[in-house]
PDB file of N, CA and C in Angstrom:
ATOM      1  N   UNK A   1       0.757  -1.225  -0.029  1.00  0.00           N
ATOM      2  CA  UNK A   1      -0.052  -0.047  -0.032  1.00  0.00           C
ATOM      3  C   UNK A   1       0.867   1.273   0.024  1.00  0.00           C
ATOM      4  N   UNK A   2       1.974   1.215   0.816  1.00  0.00           N
ATOM      5  CA  UNK A   2       2.796   2.433   0.956  1.00  0.00           C
ATOM      6  C   UNK A   2       3.426   2.716  -0.475  1.00  0.00           C
ATOM      7  N   UNK A   3       3.842   1.570  -1.050  1.00  0.00           N
ATOM      8  CA  UNK A   3       4.486   1.732  -2.418  1.00  0.00           C
ATOM      9  C   UNK A   3       3.557   2.491  -3.354  1.00  0.00           C
ATOM     10  N   UNK A   4       2.401   2.137  -3.488  1.00  0.00           N
ATOM     11  CA  UNK A   4       1.476   2.675  -4.517  1.00  0.00           C
ATOM     12  C   UNK A   4       1.050   4.151  -4.024  1.00  0.00           C
ATOM     13  N   UNK A   5       0.956   4.358  -2.751  1.00  0.00           N
ATOM     14  CA  UNK A   5       0.733   5.721  -2.216  1.00  0.00           C
ATOM     15  C   UNK A   5       1.855   6.626  -2.605  1.00  0.00           C
ATOM     16  N   UNK A   6       3.081   6.244  -2.495  1.00  0.00           N
ATOM     17  CA  UNK A   6       4.240   7.104  -2.772  1.00  0.00           C
ATOM     18  C   UNK A   6       4.304   7.273  -4.226  1.00  0.00           C
ATOM     19  N   UNK A   7       4.053   6.192  -5.022  1.00  0.00           N
ATOM     20  CA  UNK A   7       4.009   6.465  -6.486  1.00  0.00           C
ATOM     21  C   UNK A   7       3.003   7.412  -7.015  1.00  0.00           C
ATOM     22  N   UNK A   8       1.796   7.415  -6.363  1.00  0.00           N
ATOM     23  CA  UNK A   8       0.736   8.335  -6.655  1.00  0.00           C
ATOM     24  C   UNK A   8       1.081   9.719  -6.319  1.00  0.00           C
ATOM     25  N   UNK A   9       1.837   9.861  -5.150  1.00  0.00           N
ATOM     26  CA  UNK A   9       2.340  11.119  -4.753  1.00  0.00           C
ATOM     27  C   UNK A   9       3.335  11.611  -5.775  1.00  0.00           C
ATOM     28  N   UNK A  10       4.241  10.844  -6.311  1.00  0.00           N
ATOM     29  CA  UNK A  10       5.176  11.316  -7.316  1.00  0.00           C
ATOM     30  C   UNK A  10       4.482  11.705  -8.647  1.00  0.00           C
ATOM     31  N   UNK A  11       3.515  10.881  -9.047  1.00  0.00           N
ATOM     32  CA  UNK A  11       2.789  11.402 -10.165  1.00  0.00           C
ATOM     33  C   UNK A  11       2.029  12.710  -9.982  1.00  0.00           C
ATOM     34  N   UNK A  12       1.387  12.758  -8.823  1.00  0.00           N
ATOM     35  CA  UNK A  12       0.667  13.918  -8.474  1.00  0.00           C
ATOM     36  C   UNK A  12       1.555  15.192  -8.443  1.00  0.00           C
ATOM     37  N   UNK A  13       2.785  15.045  -7.893  1.00  0.00           N
ATOM     38  CA  UNK A  13       3.841  16.135  -7.861  1.00  0.00           C
ATOM     39  C   UNK A  13       4.168  16.508  -9.325  1.00  0.00           C
ATOM     40  N   UNK A  14       4.274  15.577 -10.201  1.00  0.00           N
ATOM     41  CA  UNK A  14       4.650  15.866 -11.604  1.00  0.00           C
ATOM     42  C   UNK A  14       3.555  16.582 -12.284  1.00  0.00           C
ATOM     43  N   UNK A  15       2.229  16.167 -12.195  1.00  0.00           N
ATOM     44  CA  UNK A  15       1.114  16.762 -12.854  1.00  0.00           C
ATOM     45  C   UNK A  15       0.871  18.131 -12.317  1.00  0.00           C
ATOM     46  N   UNK A  16       0.809  18.266 -11.095  1.00  0.00           N
ATOM     47  CA  UNK A  16       0.521  19.668 -10.378  1.00  0.00           C
ATOM     48  C   UNK A  16       1.690  20.550 -10.623  1.00  0.00           C
ATOM     49  N   UNK A  17       2.988  20.009 -10.712  1.00  0.00           N
ATOM     50  CA  UNK A  17       4.016  20.913 -10.924  1.00  0.00           C
ATOM     51  C   UNK A  17       3.971  21.473 -12.437  1.00  0.00           C
ATOM     52  N   UNK A  18       3.551  20.674 -13.339  1.00  0.00           N
ATOM     53  CA  UNK A  18       3.317  21.150 -14.725  1.00  0.00           C
ATOM     54  C   UNK A  18       2.248  22.196 -14.720  1.00  0.00           C
ATOM     55  N   UNK A  19       1.149  21.966 -14.037  1.00  0.00           N
ATOM     56  CA  UNK A  19       0.068  22.954 -13.958  1.00  0.00           C
ATOM     57  C   UNK A  19       0.592  24.267 -13.388  1.00  0.00           C
ATOM     58  N   UNK A  20       1.328  24.161 -12.362  1.00  0.00           N
ATOM     59  CA  UNK A  20       1.818  25.373 -11.601  1.00  0.00           C
ATOM     60  C   UNK A  20       2.972  26.152 -12.374  1.00  0.00           C
ATOM     61  N   UNK A  21       3.637  25.516 -13.350  1.00  0.00           N
ATOM     62  CA  UNK A  21       4.718  26.129 -14.021  1.00  0.00           C
ATOM     63  C   UNK A  21       4.432  27.346 -14.716  1.00  0.00           C
ATOM     64  N   UNK A  22       4.551  28.444 -14.158  1.00  0.00           N
ATOM     65  CA  UNK A  22       4.186  29.738 -14.618  1.00  0.00           C
ATOM     66  C   UNK A  22       4.643  30.159 -16.000  1.00  0.00           C
ATOM     67  N   UNK A  23       5.812  29.888 -16.278  1.00  0.00           N
ATOM     68  CA  UNK A  23       6.516  30.354 -17.450  1.00  0.00           C
ATOM     69  C   UNK A  23       5.760  29.727 -18.696  1.00  0.00           C
ATOM     70  N   UNK A  24       5.331  28.450 -18.594  1.00  0.00           N
ATOM     71  CA  UNK A  24       4.829  27.844 -19.847  1.00  0.00           C
ATOM     72  C   UNK A  24       3.389  27.358 -19.699  1.00  0.00           C
ATOM     73  N   UNK A  25       2.886  26.959 -18.532  1.00  0.00           N
ATOM     74  CA  UNK A  25       1.495  26.313 -18.470  1.00  0.00           C
ATOM     75  C   UNK A  25       0.554  27.067 -17.647  1.00  0.00           C
ATOM     76  N   UNK A  26       0.887  27.863 -16.695  1.00  0.00           N
ATOM     77  CA  UNK A  26      -0.158  28.316 -15.696  1.00  0.00           C
ATOM     78  C   UNK A  26      -1.215  29.203 -16.334  1.00  0.00           C
ATOM     79  N   UNK A  27      -0.867  29.820 -17.372  1.00  0.00           N
ATOM     80  CA  UNK A  27      -1.873  30.718 -18.028  1.00  0.00           C
ATOM     81  C   UNK A  27      -2.961  30.075 -18.762  1.00  0.00           C
ATOM     82  N   UNK A  28      -2.868  28.674 -18.981  1.00  0.00           N
ATOM     83  CA  UNK A  28      -3.902  27.887 -19.459  1.00  0.00           C
ATOM     84  C   UNK A  28      -4.939  27.446 -18.427  1.00  0.00           C
ATOM     85  N   UNK A  29      -4.701  27.628 -17.122  1.00  0.00           N
ATOM     86  CA  UNK A  29      -5.614  27.207 -16.091  1.00  0.00           C
ATOM     87  C   UNK A  29      -6.095  28.284 -15.283  1.00  0.00           C
ATOM     88  N   UNK A  30      -7.354  28.111 -14.877  1.00  0.00           N
ATOM     89  CA  UNK A  30      -8.076  29.207 -14.014  1.00  0.00           C
ATOM     90  C   UNK A  30      -7.338  29.253 -12.664  1.00  0.00           C
ATOM     91  N   UNK A  31      -7.513  30.373 -11.986  1.00  0.00           N
ATOM     92  CA  UNK A  31      -7.124  30.528 -10.588  1.00  0.00           C
ATOM     93  C   UNK A  31      -7.552  29.364  -9.604  1.00  0.00           C
ATOM     94  N   UNK A  32      -8.734  29.006  -9.622  1.00  0.00           N
ATOM     95  CA  UNK A  32      -9.190  28.013  -8.765  1.00  0.00           C
ATOM     96  C   UNK A  32      -8.396  26.611  -8.890  1.00  0.00           C
ATOM     97  N   UNK A  33      -8.174  26.320 -10.272  1.00  0.00           N
ATOM     98  CA  UNK A  33      -7.398  25.095 -10.611  1.00  0.00           C
ATOM     99  C   UNK A  33      -6.030  25.176 -10.121  1.00  0.00           C
ATOM    100  N   UNK A  34      -5.472  26.367 -10.274  1.00  0.00           N
ATOM    101  CA  UNK A  34      -4.025  26.628  -9.676  1.00  0.00           C
ATOM    102  C   UNK A  34      -4.020  26.434  -8.183  1.00  0.00           C
ATOM    103  N   UNK A  35      -4.991  27.014  -7.520  1.00  0.00           N
ATOM    104  CA  UNK A  35      -4.991  26.766  -6.073  1.00  0.00           C
ATOM    105  C   UNK A  35      -5.086  25.350  -5.606  1.00  0.00           C
ATOM    106  N   UNK A  36      -6.051  24.585  -6.287  1.00  0.00           N
ATOM    107  CA  UNK A  36      -6.118  23.134  -6.031  1.00  0.00           C
ATOM    108  C   UNK A  36      -4.775  22.437  -6.332  1.00  0.00           C
ATOM    109  N   UNK A  37      -4.162  22.811  -7.494  1.00  0.00           N
ATOM    110  CA  UNK A  37      -2.794  22.225  -7.857  1.00  0.00           C
ATOM    111  C   UNK A  37      -1.796  22.494  -6.785  1.00  0.00           C
ATOM    112  N   UNK A  38      -1.792  23.818  -6.252  1.00  0.00           N
ATOM    113  CA  UNK A  38      -0.803  24.146  -5.200  1.00  0.00           C
ATOM    114  C   UNK A  38      -1.067  23.269  -3.903  1.00  0.00           C
ATOM    115  N   UNK A  39      -2.340  23.118  -3.536  1.00  0.00           N
ATOM    116  CA  UNK A  39      -2.772  22.295  -2.313  1.00  0.00           C
ATOM    117  C   UNK A  39      -2.348  20.817  -2.556  1.00  0.00           C
ATOM    118  N   UNK A  40      -2.687  20.161  -3.641  1.00  0.00           N
ATOM    119  CA  UNK A  40      -2.246  18.895  -3.960  1.00  0.00           C
ATOM    120  C   UNK A  40      -0.726  18.733  -4.082  1.00  0.00           C
ATOM    121  N   UNK A  41      -0.139  19.624  -4.626  1.00  0.00           N
ATOM    122  CA  UNK A  41       1.381  19.581  -4.684  1.00  0.00           C
ATOM    123  C   UNK A  41       1.984  19.499  -3.353  1.00  0.00           C
ATOM    124  N   UNK A  42       1.490  20.517  -2.431  1.00  0.00           N
ATOM    125  CA  UNK A  42       2.084  20.459  -1.108  1.00  0.00           C
ATOM    126  C   UNK A  42       1.748  19.243  -0.387  1.00  0.00           C
ATOM    127  N   UNK A  43       0.511  18.798  -0.433  1.00  0.00           N
ATOM    128  CA  UNK A  43       0.164  17.444   0.306  1.00  0.00           C
ATOM    129  C   UNK A  43       1.009  16.289  -0.152  1.00  0.00           C
ATOM    130  N   UNK A  44       1.173  16.158  -1.563  1.00  0.00           N
ATOM    131  CA  UNK A  44       1.956  15.088  -2.131  1.00  0.00           C
ATOM    132  C   UNK A  44       3.411  15.233  -1.728  1.00  0.00           C
ATOM    133  N   UNK A  45       3.955  16.395  -1.663  1.00  0.00           N
ATOM    134  CA  UNK A  45       5.351  16.626  -1.253  1.00  0.00           C
ATOM    135  C   UNK A  45       5.597  16.194   0.227  1.00  0.00           C
ATOM    136  N   UNK A  46       4.577  16.592   1.069  1.00  0.00           N
ATOM    137  CA  UNK A  46       4.633  16.186   2.465  1.00  0.00           C
ATOM    138  C   UNK A  46       4.573  14.618   2.567  1.00  0.00           C
ATOM    139  N   UNK A  47       3.696  13.951   1.892  1.00  0.00           N
ATOM    140  CA  UNK A  47       3.612  12.446   1.976  1.00  0.00           C
ATOM    141  C   UNK A  47       4.966  11.817   1.495  1.00  0.00           C
ATOM    142  N   UNK A  48       5.489  12.357   0.324  1.00  0.00           N
ATOM    143  CA  UNK A  48       6.678  11.795  -0.085  1.00  0.00           C
ATOM    144  C   UNK A  48       7.785  11.962   0.779  1.00  0.00           C
ATOM    145  N   UNK A  49       7.905  13.192   1.379  1.00  0.00           N
ATOM    146  CA  UNK A  49       9.070  13.508   2.325  1.00  0.00           C
ATOM    147  C   UNK A  49       8.887  12.646   3.536  1.00  0.00           C
ATOM    148  N   UNK A  50       7.704  12.413   4.105  1.00  0.00           N
ATOM    149  CA  UNK A  50       7.383  11.542   5.153  1.00  0.00           C
ATOM    150  C   UNK A  50       7.806  10.113   4.879  1.00  0.00           C
ATOM    151  N   UNK A  51       7.439   9.685   3.653  1.00  0.00           N
ATOM    152  CA  UNK A  51       7.862   8.301   3.241  1.00  0.00           C
ATOM    153  C   UNK A  51       9.262   8.008   3.187  1.00  0.00           C
ATOM    154  N   UNK A  52       9.896   9.100   2.662  1.00  0.00           N
ATOM    155  CA  UNK A  52      11.391   8.973   2.684  1.00  0.00           C
ATOM    156  C   UNK A  52      11.959   8.891   4.025  1.00  0.00           C
ATOM    157  N   UNK A  53      11.480   9.709   5.088  1.00  0.00           N
ATOM    158  CA  UNK A  53      11.918   9.654   6.325  1.00  0.00           C
ATOM    159  C   UNK A  53      11.748   8.273   6.985  1.00  0.00           C
ATOM    160  N   UNK A  54      10.527   7.708   6.718  1.00  0.00           N
ATOM    161  CA  UNK A  54      10.239   6.435   7.257  1.00  0.00           C
ATOM    162  C   UNK A  54      11.161   5.348   6.651  1.00  0.00           C
ATOM    163  N   UNK A  55      11.478   5.450   5.489  1.00  0.00           N
ATOM    164  CA  UNK A  55      12.482   4.463   4.910  1.00  0.00           C
ATOM    165  C   UNK A  55      13.768   4.615   5.475  1.00  0.00           C
ATOM    166  N   UNK A  56      14.295   5.779   5.670  1.00  0.00           N
ATOM    167  CA  UNK A  56      15.588   6.070   6.319  1.00  0.00           C
ATOM    168  C   UNK A  56      15.542   5.434   7.733  1.00  0.00           C
ATOM    169  N   UNK A  57      14.483   5.731   8.529  1.00  0.00           N
ATOM    170  CA  UNK A  57      14.332   5.165   9.836  1.00  0.00           C
ATOM    171  C   UNK A  57      14.437   3.717   9.856  1.00  0.00           C
ATOM    172  N   UNK A  58      13.707   3.049   8.890  1.00  0.00           N
ATOM    173  CA  UNK A  58      13.555   1.539   8.924  1.00  0.00           C
ATOM    174  C   UNK A  58      14.938   1.013   8.552  1.00  0.00           C
ATOM    175  N   UNK A  59      15.693   1.642   7.726  1.00  0.00           N
ATOM    176  CA  UNK A  59      16.956   1.235   7.237  1.00  0.00           C
ATOM    177  C   UNK A  59      18.023   1.229   8.357  1.00  0.00           C
ATOM    178  N   UNK A  60      18.042   2.288   9.127  1.00  0.00           N
ATOM    179  CA  UNK A  60      19.028   2.464  10.103  1.00  0.00           C
ATOM    180  C   UNK A  60      18.817   1.975  11.550  1.00  0.00           C
ATOM    181  N   UNK A  61      17.418   1.943  11.895  1.00  0.00           N
ATOM    182  CA  UNK A  61      17.145   1.645  13.351  1.00  0.00           C
ATOM    183  C   UNK A  61      16.516   0.276  13.455  1.00  0.00           C
ATOM    184  N   UNK A  62      16.192  -0.355  12.388  1.00  0.00           N
ATOM    185  CA  UNK A  62      15.588  -1.706  12.629  1.00  0.00           C
ATOM    186  C   UNK A  62      16.778  -2.695  12.184  1.00  0.00           C
ATOM    187  N   UNK A  63      17.195  -3.284  13.345  1.00  0.00           N
ATOM    188  CA  UNK A  63      18.376  -4.184  13.232  1.00  0.00           C
ATOM    189  C   UNK A  63      18.241  -5.215  12.105  1.00  0.00           C
ATOM    190  N   UNK A  64      19.207  -5.402  11.202  1.00  0.00           N
ATOM    191  CA  UNK A  64      19.213  -6.378  10.170  1.00  0.00           C
ATOM    192  C   UNK A  64      18.619  -5.850   8.863  1.00  0.00           C
ATOM    193  N   UNK A  65      18.116  -4.583   8.820  1.00  0.00           N
ATOM    194  CA  UNK A  65      17.597  -4.142   7.630  1.00  0.00           C
ATOM    195  C   UNK A  65      18.697  -3.763   6.605  1.00  0.00           C
ATOM    196  N   UNK A  66      19.787  -3.095   7.079  1.00  0.00           N
ATOM    197  CA  UNK A  66      20.791  -2.709   6.233  1.00  0.00           C
ATOM    198  C   UNK A  66      21.433  -3.899   5.495  1.00  0.00           C
ATOM    199  N   UNK A  67      21.628  -5.047   6.147  1.00  0.00           N
ATOM    200  CA  UNK A  67      22.050  -6.195   5.508  1.00  0.00           C
ATOM    201  C   UNK A  67      21.187  -6.655   4.342  1.00  0.00           C
ATOM    202  N   UNK A  68      19.951  -6.594   4.588  1.00  0.00           N
ATOM    203  CA  UNK A  68      18.954  -6.925   3.555  1.00  0.00           C
ATOM    204  C   UNK A  68      18.989  -6.024   2.321  1.00  0.00           C
ATOM    205  N   UNK A  69      19.252  -4.645   2.609  1.00  0.00           N
ATOM    206  CA  UNK A  69      19.417  -3.694   1.601  1.00  0.00           C
ATOM    207  C   UNK A  69      20.672  -3.798   0.760  1.00  0.00           C
ATOM    208  N   UNK A  70      21.800  -3.911   1.531  1.00  0.00           N
ATOM    209  CA  UNK A  70      23.125  -3.987   0.907  1.00  0.00           C
ATOM    210  C   UNK A  70      23.451  -5.342   0.296  1.00  0.00           C
ATOM    211  N   UNK A  71      23.232  -6.385   1.005  1.00  0.00           N
ATOM    212  CA  UNK A  71      23.668  -7.763   0.642  1.00  0.00           C
ATOM    213  C   UNK A  71      22.678  -8.538  -0.083  1.00  0.00           C
ATOM    214  N   UNK A  72      21.358  -8.174   0.112  1.00  0.00           N
ATOM    215  CA  UNK A  72      20.224  -8.880  -0.524  1.00  0.00           C
ATOM    216  C   UNK A  72      19.724 -10.030   0.193  1.00  0.00           C
ATOM    217  N   UNK A  73      20.125 -10.233   1.378  1.00  0.00           N
ATOM    218  CA  UNK A  73      19.554 -11.442   2.237  1.00  0.00           C
ATOM    219  C   UNK A  73      19.443 -11.045   3.684  1.00  0.00           C
ATOM    220  N   UNK A  74      18.511 -11.690   4.335  1.00  0.00           N
ATOM    221  CA  UNK A  74      18.277 -11.497   5.730  1.00  0.00           C
ATOM    222  C   UNK A  74      18.354 -12.842   6.413  1.00  0.00           C
ATOM    223  N   UNK A  75      18.448 -12.812   7.840  1.00  0.00           N
ATOM    224  CA  UNK A  75      18.474 -13.954   8.593  1.00  0.00           C
ATOM    225  C   UNK A  75      17.081 -14.557   8.707  1.00  0.00           C
ATOM    226  N   UNK A  76      17.066 -15.829   9.011  1.00  0.00           N
ATOM    227  CA  UNK A  76      15.654 -16.509   9.065  1.00  0.00           C
ATOM    228  C   UNK A  76      14.966 -15.857  10.267  1.00  0.00           C
ATOM    229  N   UNK A  77      15.649 -15.472  11.372  1.00  0.00           N
ATOM    230  CA  UNK A  77      14.997 -14.939  12.593  1.00  0.00           C
ATOM    231  C   UNK A  77      14.429 -13.551  12.213  1.00  0.00           C
ATOM    232  N   UNK A  78      15.096 -12.697  11.369  1.00  0.00           N
ATOM    233  CA  UNK A  78      14.574 -11.509  10.940  1.00  0.00           C
ATOM    234  C   UNK A  78      13.405 -11.540  10.088  1.00  0.00           C
ATOM    235  N   UNK A  79      13.498 -12.566   9.197  1.00  0.00           N
ATOM    236  CA  UNK A  79      12.390 -12.783   8.235  1.00  0.00           C
ATOM    237  C   UNK A  79      11.107 -13.167   9.100  1.00  0.00           C
ATOM    238  N   UNK A  80      11.300 -14.033   9.935  1.00  0.00           N
ATOM    239  CA  UNK A  80      10.163 -14.593  10.879  1.00  0.00           C
ATOM    240  C   UNK A  80       9.568 -13.450  11.642  1.00  0.00           C
ATOM    241  N   UNK A  81      10.374 -12.615  12.261  1.00  0.00           N
ATOM    242  CA  UNK A  81       9.920 -11.467  13.065  1.00  0.00           C
ATOM    243  C   UNK A  81       9.207 -10.280  12.251  1.00  0.00           C
ATOM    244  N   UNK A  82       9.843  -9.959  11.102  1.00  0.00           N
ATOM    245  CA  UNK A  82       9.314  -8.705  10.404  1.00  0.00           C
ATOM    246  C   UNK A  82       8.370  -9.098   9.156  1.00  0.00           C
ATOM    247  N   UNK A  83       8.468 -10.271   8.733  1.00  0.00           N
ATOM    248  CA  UNK A  83       7.569 -10.735   7.542  1.00  0.00           C
ATOM    249  C   UNK A  83       7.126 -12.158   7.727  1.00  0.00           C
ATOM    250  N   UNK A  84       6.243 -12.445   8.698  1.00  0.00           N
ATOM    251  CA  UNK A  84       5.880 -13.813   8.982  1.00  0.00           C
ATOM    252  C   UNK A  84       5.249 -14.568   7.945  1.00  0.00           C
ATOM    253  N   UNK A  85       4.428 -13.869   7.125  1.00  0.00           N
ATOM    254  CA  UNK A  85       3.772 -14.586   5.998  1.00  0.00           C
ATOM    255  C   UNK A  85       4.762 -14.979   4.927  1.00  0.00           C
ATOM    256  N   UNK A  86       5.669 -14.105   4.640  1.00  0.00           N
ATOM    257  CA  UNK A  86       6.766 -14.469   3.639  1.00  0.00           C
ATOM    258  C   UNK A  86       7.691 -15.533   4.152  1.00  0.00           C
ATOM    259  N   UNK A  87       7.886 -15.607   5.496  1.00  0.00           N
ATOM    260  CA  UNK A  87       8.703 -16.579   6.137  1.00  0.00           C
ATOM    261  C   UNK A  87       7.958 -17.894   6.011  1.00  0.00           C
ATOM    262  N   UNK A  88       6.652 -17.881   6.323  1.00  0.00           N
ATOM    263  CA  UNK A  88       5.906 -19.237   6.157  1.00  0.00           C
ATOM    264  C   UNK A  88       5.833 -19.747   4.785  1.00  0.00           C
ATOM    265  N   UNK A  89       5.731 -18.776   3.819  1.00  0.00           N
ATOM    266  CA  UNK A  89       5.655 -19.266   2.369  1.00  0.00           C
ATOM    267  C   UNK A  89       7.053 -19.828   1.995  1.00  0.00           C
ATOM    268  N   UNK A  90       8.146 -19.190   2.396  1.00  0.00           N
ATOM    269  CA  UNK A  90       9.471 -19.698   2.009  1.00  0.00           C
ATOM    270  C   UNK A  90       9.692 -21.029   2.668  1.00  0.00           C
ATOM    271  N   UNK A  91       9.455 -21.120   4.039  1.00  0.00           N
ATOM    272  CA  UNK A  91       9.725 -22.455   4.695  1.00  0.00           C
ATOM    273  C   UNK A  91       8.863 -23.496   4.148  1.00  0.00           C
ATOM    274  N   UNK A  92       7.617 -23.196   3.784  1.00  0.00           N
ATOM    275  CA  UNK A  92       6.792 -24.349   3.346  1.00  0.00           C
ATOM    276  C   UNK A  92       7.241 -24.753   1.915  1.00  0.00           C
ATOM    277  N   UNK A  93       7.592 -23.792   1.194  1.00  0.00           N
ATOM    278  CA  UNK A  93       8.140 -24.175  -0.272  1.00  0.00           C
ATOM    279  C   UNK A  93       9.436 -24.993  -0.134  1.00  0.00           C
ATOM    280  N   UNK A  94      10.342 -24.628   0.764  1.00  0.00           N
ATOM    281  CA  UNK A  94      11.534 -25.527   1.020  1.00  0.00           C
ATOM    282  C   UNK A  94      11.208 -26.869   1.544  1.00  0.00           C
ATOM    283  N   UNK A  95      10.221 -26.992   2.546  1.00  0.00           N
ATOM    284  CA  UNK A  95       9.782 -28.256   3.061  1.00  0.00           C
ATOM    285  C   UNK A  95       9.167 -29.098   1.961  1.00  0.00           C
ATOM    286  N   UNK A  96       8.423 -28.559   1.050  1.00  0.00           N
ATOM    287  CA  UNK A  96       7.885 -29.272  -0.071  1.00  0.00           C
ATOM    288  C   UNK A  96       8.945 -29.764  -0.990  1.00  0.00           C
ATOM    289  N   UNK A  97       9.905 -28.912  -1.199  1.00  0.00           N
ATOM    290  CA  UNK A  97      11.009 -29.316  -2.044  1.00  0.00           C
ATOM    291  C   UNK A  97      11.826 -30.505  -1.437  1.00  0.00           C
ATOM    292  N   UNK A  98      12.070 -30.387  -0.085  1.00  0.00           N
ATOM    293  CA  UNK A  98      12.752 -31.546   0.535  1.00  0.00           C
ATOM    294  C   UNK A  98      11.943 -32.776   0.445  1.00  0.00           C
ATOM    295  N   UNK A  99      10.628 -32.758   0.570  1.00  0.00           N
ATOM    296  CA  UNK A  99       9.758 -33.847   0.491  1.00  0.00           C
ATOM    297  C   UNK A  99       9.848 -34.505  -0.884  1.00  0.00           C
ATOM    298  N   UNK A 100       9.772 -33.662  -1.877  1.00  0.00           N
ATOM    299  CA  UNK A 100       9.973 -34.195  -3.261  1.00  0.00           C
ATOM    300  C   UNK A 100      11.233 -34.801  -3.476  1.00  0.00           C
ATOM    301  N   UNK A 101      12.336 -34.243  -2.917  1.00  0.00           N
ATOM    302  CA  UNK A 101      13.740 -34.784  -3.083  1.00  0.00           C
ATOM    303  C   UNK A 101      13.780 -36.256  -2.447  1.00  0.00           C
ATOM    304  N   UNK A 102      13.134 -36.245  -1.219  1.00  0.00           N
ATOM    305  CA  UNK A 102      13.198 -37.581  -0.531  1.00  0.00           C
ATOM    306  C   UNK A 102      12.414 -38.640  -1.377  1.00  0.00           C
ATOM    307  N   UNK A 103      11.244 -38.195  -1.821  1.00  0.00           N
ATOM    308  CA  UNK A 103      10.442 -39.188  -2.701  1.00  0.00           C
ATOM    309  C   UNK A 103      11.190 -39.528  -3.976  1.00  0.00           C
ATOM    310  N   UNK A 104      11.937 -38.691  -4.586  1.00  0.00           N
ATOM    311  CA  UNK A 104      12.626 -38.995  -5.772  1.00  0.00           C
ATOM    312  C   UNK A 104      13.964 -39.682  -5.508  1.00  0.00           C
ATOM    313  N   UNK A 105      14.328 -39.887  -4.321  1.00  0.00           N
ATOM    314  CA  UNK A 105      15.589 -40.592  -3.954  1.00  0.00           C
ATOM    315  C   UNK A 105      16.747 -39.718  -3.796  1.00  0.00           C
ATOM    316  N   UNK A 106      16.683 -38.435  -3.935  1.00  0.00           N
ATOM    317  CA  UNK A 106      17.754 -37.476  -3.627  1.00  0.00           C
ATOM    318  C   UNK A 106      17.870 -37.333  -2.167  1.00  0.00           C
ATOM    319  N   UNK A 107      19.047 -37.399  -1.699  1.00  0.00           N
ATOM    320  CA  UNK A 107      19.262 -37.363  -0.227  1.00  0.00           C
ATOM    321  C   UNK A 107      19.818 -35.903  -0.021  1.00  0.00           C
ATOM    322  N   UNK A 108      19.552 -35.428   1.250  1.00  0.00           N
ATOM    323  CA  UNK A 108      20.094 -34.089   1.619  1.00  0.00           C
ATOM    324  C   UNK A 108      18.982 -33.183   1.896  1.00  0.00           C
ATOM    325  N   UNK A 109      19.337 -32.126   2.611  1.00  0.00           N
ATOM    326  CA  UNK A 109      18.304 -31.141   3.003  1.00  0.00           C
ATOM    327  C   UNK A 109      18.572 -29.922   2.211  1.00  0.00           C
ATOM    328  N   UNK A 110      17.411 -29.266   1.879  1.00  0.00           N
ATOM    329  CA  UNK A 110      17.442 -28.028   1.112  1.00  0.00           C
ATOM    330  C   UNK A 110      17.729 -26.855   2.104  1.00  0.00           C
ATOM    331  N   UNK A 111      18.648 -26.114   1.815  1.00  0.00           N
ATOM    332  CA  UNK A 111      18.950 -24.918   2.737  1.00  0.00           C
ATOM    333  C   UNK A 111      17.967 -23.813   2.453  1.00  0.00           C
ATOM    334  N   UNK A 112      17.425 -23.230   3.620  1.00  0.00           N
ATOM    335  CA  UNK A 112      16.385 -22.242   3.596  1.00  0.00           C
ATOM    336  C   UNK A 112      17.215 -20.914   3.471  1.00  0.00           C
ATOM    337  N   UNK A 113      17.158 -20.245   2.421  1.00  0.00           N
ATOM    338  CA  UNK A 113      17.843 -18.911   2.180  1.00  0.00           C
ATOM    339  C   UNK A 113      16.877 -17.903   1.886  1.00  0.00           C
ATOM    340  N   UNK A 114      16.840 -16.882   2.632  1.00  0.00           N
ATOM    341  CA  UNK A 114      15.811 -15.852   2.335  1.00  0.00           C
ATOM    342  C   UNK A 114      16.464 -14.758   1.584  1.00  0.00           C
ATOM    343  N   UNK A 115      16.363 -14.861   0.226  1.00  0.00           N
ATOM    344  CA  UNK A 115      16.981 -13.938  -0.669  1.00  0.00           C
ATOM    345  C   UNK A 115      15.906 -13.172  -1.398  1.00  0.00           C
ATOM    346  N   UNK A 116      15.987 -11.787  -1.275  1.00  0.00           N
ATOM    347  CA  UNK A 116      15.010 -10.879  -1.945  1.00  0.00           C
ATOM    348  C   UNK A 116      13.737 -10.871  -1.107  1.00  0.00           C
ATOM    349  N   UNK A 117      12.867 -10.075  -1.595  1.00  0.00           N
ATOM    350  CA  UNK A 117      11.563  -9.946  -0.894  1.00  0.00           C
ATOM    351  C   UNK A 117      10.435 -10.460  -1.710  1.00  0.00           C
ATOM    352  N   UNK A 118      10.537 -11.479  -2.469  1.00  0.00           N
ATOM    353  CA  UNK A 118       9.406 -12.007  -3.256  1.00  0.00           C
ATOM    354  C   UNK A 118       9.949 -13.355  -3.838  1.00  0.00           C
ATOM    355  N   UNK A 119       8.996 -13.839  -4.677  1.00  0.00           N
ATOM    356  CA  UNK A 119       9.302 -15.144  -5.312  1.00  0.00           C
ATOM    357  C   UNK A 119       9.902 -14.810  -6.637  1.00  0.00           C
TER     358      UNK A 119
END
């Protein structure tokens, strides 16, 4: 949800910025439209700035996040604590893979590695 909200804020900033651009476009719009554009532009900038601050906070103060950002992997414990649904999906898929390997005669355990944030 946050991803789409911030993307919408960026698009809103672009559109309202073009509307407010006095030198080229503002004379095509009425005063009420310009006022609404200024209001939306300010609100979108505030949302985007707040989202950036939240991302900076999450990166530096949530232990283990920097490793995920820089190296592309997180520990099993971190995944279980911060993304339990993703953890369950990964563990179940690895367990199913182990079961199929055992049934096909392959010996060994599949290593659970949490790489990336999706499938």
